N, C-alpha and C. Protein backbone atom coordinates (compact mmCIF):
# COMPACT_ATOMS: atom_id res chain seq x y z
N MET A 1 0.89 -1.17 0.44
CA MET A 1 0.09 -0.28 0.14
C MET A 1 1.55 1.16 0.03
N GLU A 2 0.80 1.93 -0.91
CA GLU A 2 0.92 3.51 -0.77
C GLU A 2 1.01 4.34 0.72
N ARG A 3 1.75 5.11 0.86
CA ARG A 3 1.77 6.06 1.31
C ARG A 3 1.56 7.06 0.98
N ALA A 4 0.61 7.91 1.67
CA ALA A 4 0.27 9.10 1.05
C ALA A 4 1.18 10.29 1.25
N VAL A 5 2.15 11.13 0.71
CA VAL A 5 2.35 11.92 1.05
C VAL A 5 1.79 13.80 0.57
N LYS A 6 2.24 14.28 2.07
CA LYS A 6 1.57 15.09 2.24
C LYS A 6 2.40 16.40 1.82
N HIS A 7 1.67 17.08 1.14
CA HIS A 7 2.52 19.21 0.69
C HIS A 7 1.96 19.39 1.06
N GLU A 8 3.04 20.43 1.59
CA GLU A 8 2.77 21.87 1.87
C GLU A 8 3.31 22.97 0.72
N TYR A 9 1.80 23.44 -0.07
CA TYR A 9 2.33 24.53 -0.45
C TYR A 9 2.13 25.73 0.14
N TYR A 10 3.15 26.93 -0.09
CA TYR A 10 2.85 28.32 0.39
C TYR A 10 2.15 28.94 -0.46
N LEU A 11 1.22 29.26 -0.96
CA LEU A 11 0.41 29.70 -0.97
C LEU A 11 0.14 31.44 -1.23
N HIS A 12 0.59 32.75 -2.26
CA HIS A 12 0.65 34.30 -1.64
C HIS A 12 -0.38 34.62 -3.41
N THR A 13 -0.96 35.27 -2.57
CA THR A 13 -1.39 36.25 -3.41
C THR A 13 -1.03 37.87 -3.85
N LEU A 14 -1.21 37.90 -4.92
CA LEU A 14 0.33 39.57 -5.03
C LEU A 14 -0.67 40.48 -6.04
N PRO A 15 -0.89 41.41 -5.24
CA PRO A 15 -1.83 43.27 -4.85
C PRO A 15 -1.58 43.13 -6.39
N LYS A 16 -2.88 44.24 -6.95
CA LYS A 16 -3.67 44.16 -8.02
C LYS A 16 -2.29 44.96 -8.85
N GLU A 17 -1.45 45.81 -8.39
CA GLU A 17 -0.14 46.60 -9.27
C GLU A 17 0.22 45.29 -10.24
N ARG A 18 0.78 44.31 -9.31
CA ARG A 18 1.16 43.05 -9.78
C ARG A 18 0.98 42.60 -11.13
N TRP A 19 -0.52 42.22 -10.91
CA TRP A 19 -1.02 41.77 -11.75
C TRP A 19 -1.26 43.38 -12.73
N GLN A 20 -1.11 44.04 -13.17
CA GLN A 20 -1.87 45.40 -13.88
C GLN A 20 -0.13 45.22 -14.79
N GLU A 21 0.90 44.90 -13.60
CA GLU A 21 2.69 45.08 -14.58
C GLU A 21 2.25 43.84 -16.01
N ALA A 22 1.93 42.92 -15.06
CA ALA A 22 2.54 41.38 -15.99
C ALA A 22 1.63 40.99 -16.90
N ALA A 23 0.24 42.14 -16.87
CA ALA A 23 -0.36 42.62 -18.69
C ALA A 23 0.01 43.17 -18.86
N LYS A 24 0.77 45.01 -18.20
CA LYS A 24 1.74 45.40 -19.68
C LYS A 24 2.60 44.30 -19.50
N ASN A 25 3.32 44.05 -19.27
CA ASN A 25 4.50 43.40 -20.31
C ASN A 25 4.58 42.04 -20.27
N LEU A 26 3.30 41.41 -20.53
CA LEU A 26 2.33 40.57 -22.19
C LEU A 26 2.10 41.66 -23.09
N GLU A 27 1.83 42.52 -23.08
CA GLU A 27 1.10 43.67 -23.49
C GLU A 27 2.25 44.37 -25.01
N ASP A 28 3.59 44.50 -24.03
CA ASP A 28 4.81 44.89 -24.20
C ASP A 28 5.88 44.06 -24.91
N LEU A 29 5.69 42.68 -24.62
CA LEU A 29 6.11 40.86 -24.77
C LEU A 29 4.69 40.89 -26.53
N GLY A 30 4.04 41.34 -25.99
CA GLY A 30 2.94 40.88 -27.89
C GLY A 30 3.22 41.67 -28.99
N ASN A 31 3.46 43.18 -28.61
CA ASN A 31 3.20 44.29 -29.70
C ASN A 31 4.83 43.75 -30.08
N ALA A 32 6.00 43.10 -29.34
CA ALA A 32 7.45 43.20 -30.25
C ALA A 32 7.21 42.24 -30.96
N LEU A 33 6.68 40.73 -30.51
CA LEU A 33 6.24 39.63 -30.89
C LEU A 33 5.86 40.06 -32.71
N ALA A 34 4.56 40.64 -32.56
CA ALA A 34 4.10 41.00 -33.47
C ALA A 34 4.83 41.98 -34.72
N ALA A 35 5.17 42.74 -34.49
CA ALA A 35 6.44 43.33 -35.54
C ALA A 35 7.36 42.74 -35.69
N GLY A 36 7.84 41.90 -34.86
CA GLY A 36 8.33 41.05 -35.82
C GLY A 36 7.75 40.05 -36.98
N LEU A 37 6.55 39.31 -36.35
CA LEU A 37 6.16 38.31 -38.10
C LEU A 37 5.38 39.17 -38.63
N ARG A 38 5.69 41.06 -39.03
CA ARG A 38 5.29 41.63 -39.90
C ARG A 38 6.46 41.82 -40.76
N ALA A 39 7.55 41.87 -39.38
CA ALA A 39 8.72 42.33 -40.43
C ALA A 39 8.79 41.06 -41.21
N HIS A 40 9.45 39.34 -40.62
CA HIS A 40 9.65 38.84 -41.44
C HIS A 40 8.78 37.83 -42.59
N ASN A 41 7.53 38.27 -42.94
CA ASN A 41 6.17 37.85 -43.37
C ASN A 41 6.84 36.76 -44.21
N LYS A 42 7.19 36.13 -43.41
CA LYS A 42 7.43 34.71 -44.24
C LYS A 42 6.75 34.18 -45.78
N ASP A 43 5.24 33.80 -45.18
CA ASP A 43 4.52 33.30 -45.59
C ASP A 43 3.54 34.17 -46.76
N GLY A 44 3.59 35.86 -46.70
CA GLY A 44 2.50 36.11 -46.71
C GLY A 44 1.68 36.73 -46.18
N ARG A 45 1.83 36.48 -45.30
CA ARG A 45 1.27 37.07 -44.06
C ARG A 45 1.52 36.80 -42.56
N GLY A 46 2.30 37.62 -42.74
CA GLY A 46 2.93 38.73 -40.94
C GLY A 46 1.84 39.34 -40.94
N ALA A 47 0.94 40.11 -41.04
CA ALA A 47 0.33 41.32 -40.67
C ALA A 47 -1.05 40.36 -39.96
N GLU A 48 -1.01 39.11 -40.78
CA GLU A 48 -2.55 38.09 -40.19
C GLU A 48 -2.14 38.08 -38.94
N ASP A 49 -0.61 37.04 -39.31
CA ASP A 49 -0.76 36.19 -37.53
C ASP A 49 0.52 36.86 -36.35
N ALA A 50 0.06 38.14 -37.44
CA ALA A 50 0.62 39.62 -35.64
C ALA A 50 -0.98 39.70 -35.61
N ASP A 51 -2.15 39.77 -35.84
CA ASP A 51 -3.28 40.33 -35.86
C ASP A 51 -3.45 39.22 -34.80
N GLU A 52 -3.77 37.79 -34.79
CA GLU A 52 -3.80 37.23 -33.90
C GLU A 52 -3.53 37.14 -32.94
N LEU A 53 -2.14 35.97 -33.14
CA LEU A 53 -1.16 36.74 -31.59
C LEU A 53 -1.73 37.79 -30.83
N MET A 54 -1.86 39.32 -31.23
CA MET A 54 -2.16 40.16 -30.73
C MET A 54 -3.21 40.07 -30.51
N ALA A 55 -4.38 39.81 -30.88
CA ALA A 55 -6.08 39.39 -30.08
C ALA A 55 -5.94 38.21 -29.02
N ASP A 56 -5.44 37.05 -29.43
CA ASP A 56 -5.41 36.25 -28.63
C ASP A 56 -4.68 37.42 -26.80
N ILE A 57 -3.02 38.22 -27.05
CA ILE A 57 -2.26 38.51 -26.49
C ILE A 57 -3.40 39.73 -24.87
N MET A 58 -4.35 40.30 -26.27
CA MET A 58 -4.83 41.08 -25.26
C MET A 58 -5.66 40.75 -24.72
N LEU A 59 -6.51 39.09 -25.05
CA LEU A 59 -7.75 38.50 -23.81
C LEU A 59 -7.81 37.71 -22.78
N ALA A 60 -5.66 37.49 -23.11
CA ALA A 60 -5.16 37.44 -21.51
C ALA A 60 -4.53 38.81 -20.82
N CYS A 61 -4.47 40.13 -21.22
CA CYS A 61 -4.28 41.02 -20.59
C CYS A 61 -6.01 41.59 -20.25
N MET A 62 -7.16 41.21 -20.56
CA MET A 62 -8.24 41.19 -20.13
C MET A 62 -8.32 40.32 -18.96
N ALA A 63 -7.35 39.48 -19.03
CA ALA A 63 -8.43 37.79 -17.89
C ALA A 63 -7.43 38.66 -16.87
N LEU A 64 -5.57 39.64 -16.94
CA LEU A 64 -5.47 40.10 -16.15
C LEU A 64 -5.47 40.48 -15.19
N HIS A 65 -5.86 42.52 -16.09
CA HIS A 65 -6.38 43.11 -14.99
C HIS A 65 -8.09 43.04 -14.61
N HIS A 66 -8.81 42.02 -14.64
CA HIS A 66 -9.35 41.30 -14.50
C HIS A 66 -9.00 41.10 -13.30
N VAL A 67 -8.50 39.46 -13.02
CA VAL A 67 -7.85 39.50 -11.65
C VAL A 67 -7.75 40.31 -11.14
N ALA A 68 -6.95 41.72 -11.15
CA ALA A 68 -6.30 42.91 -10.55
C ALA A 68 -7.72 43.31 -9.80
N GLU A 69 -8.49 43.60 -11.06
CA GLU A 69 -9.74 44.30 -10.39
C GLU A 69 -10.63 43.75 -9.02
N PHE A 70 -10.79 42.46 -9.21
CA PHE A 70 -12.17 41.46 -8.40
C PHE A 70 -11.39 40.21 -8.17
N ALA A 71 -10.41 40.06 -8.48
CA ALA A 71 -10.11 38.27 -7.79
C ALA A 71 -8.96 38.27 -6.73
N THR A 72 -7.62 39.71 -6.78
CA THR A 72 -5.86 39.36 -6.26
C THR A 72 -6.76 38.70 -5.23
N ASP A 73 -7.01 38.09 -3.97
CA ASP A 73 -7.86 37.95 -3.14
C ASP A 73 -7.39 36.10 -3.12
N LYS A 74 -8.08 35.68 -4.71
CA LYS A 74 -9.02 34.45 -5.31
C LYS A 74 -8.34 33.46 -6.04
N CYS A 75 -7.65 34.99 -6.60
CA CYS A 75 -6.44 33.84 -6.86
C CYS A 75 -4.83 33.81 -5.82
N ARG A 76 -4.29 32.73 -6.81
CA ARG A 76 -2.79 32.07 -4.99
C ARG A 76 -1.95 31.77 -6.18
N ILE A 77 -0.87 32.45 -5.52
CA ILE A 77 1.26 31.59 -6.96
C ILE A 77 1.38 30.18 -6.19
N ILE A 78 1.90 29.77 -6.19
CA ILE A 78 2.63 28.55 -6.11
C ILE A 78 3.73 29.26 -6.45
N PRO A 79 5.14 29.82 -5.20
CA PRO A 79 6.15 29.13 -5.51
C PRO A 79 6.71 28.98 -6.32
N LEU A 80 7.47 28.01 -7.80
CA LEU A 80 8.75 27.63 -7.30
C LEU A 80 9.41 27.41 -6.96
N PRO A 81 10.33 26.34 -6.87
CA PRO A 81 11.96 26.36 -6.54
C PRO A 81 12.50 27.19 -7.42
N GLY A 82 14.14 27.61 -7.65
CA GLY A 82 14.81 28.31 -9.09
C GLY A 82 15.04 29.88 -7.79
N LYS A 83 15.29 30.12 -9.51
CA LYS A 83 15.37 31.65 -9.11
C LYS A 83 15.03 32.85 -8.56
N ASN A 84 13.43 32.73 -9.12
CA ASN A 84 12.64 34.05 -7.66
C ASN A 84 11.76 32.84 -7.49
N GLY A 85 12.64 32.00 -7.44
CA GLY A 85 10.71 31.37 -6.65
C GLY A 85 10.83 31.15 -5.89
N GLY A 86 11.28 30.60 -4.68
CA GLY A 86 11.99 30.92 -2.92
C GLY A 86 12.67 29.35 -2.71
C-alpha cells in the first residue's frame, strides 16, 4: 500500500499593481513579437499572424486586468523552487 505524501504549499497572493504590471509586460512582449511577424512576413501572412497573436494576447491581458480589479484574493500563486521561486 502506498503512503500518502503530504505536500505543503505556501500560497501567495499578489497585489493589484503586480497583476497590472504583468498585463503591461505581456502586452509589450506581444507588440514586439507582432512587429517581428510583420517584418519577416515569410509566408505573406505576417500582418494576419500578428493580428491573431495580438488578439490572443489582449484577451489574456484583459483576464489579468480582471484579476487585478476583482479577484486578487482569489488567485493564489505557488512559488516554484529556483531563481525567483524561493
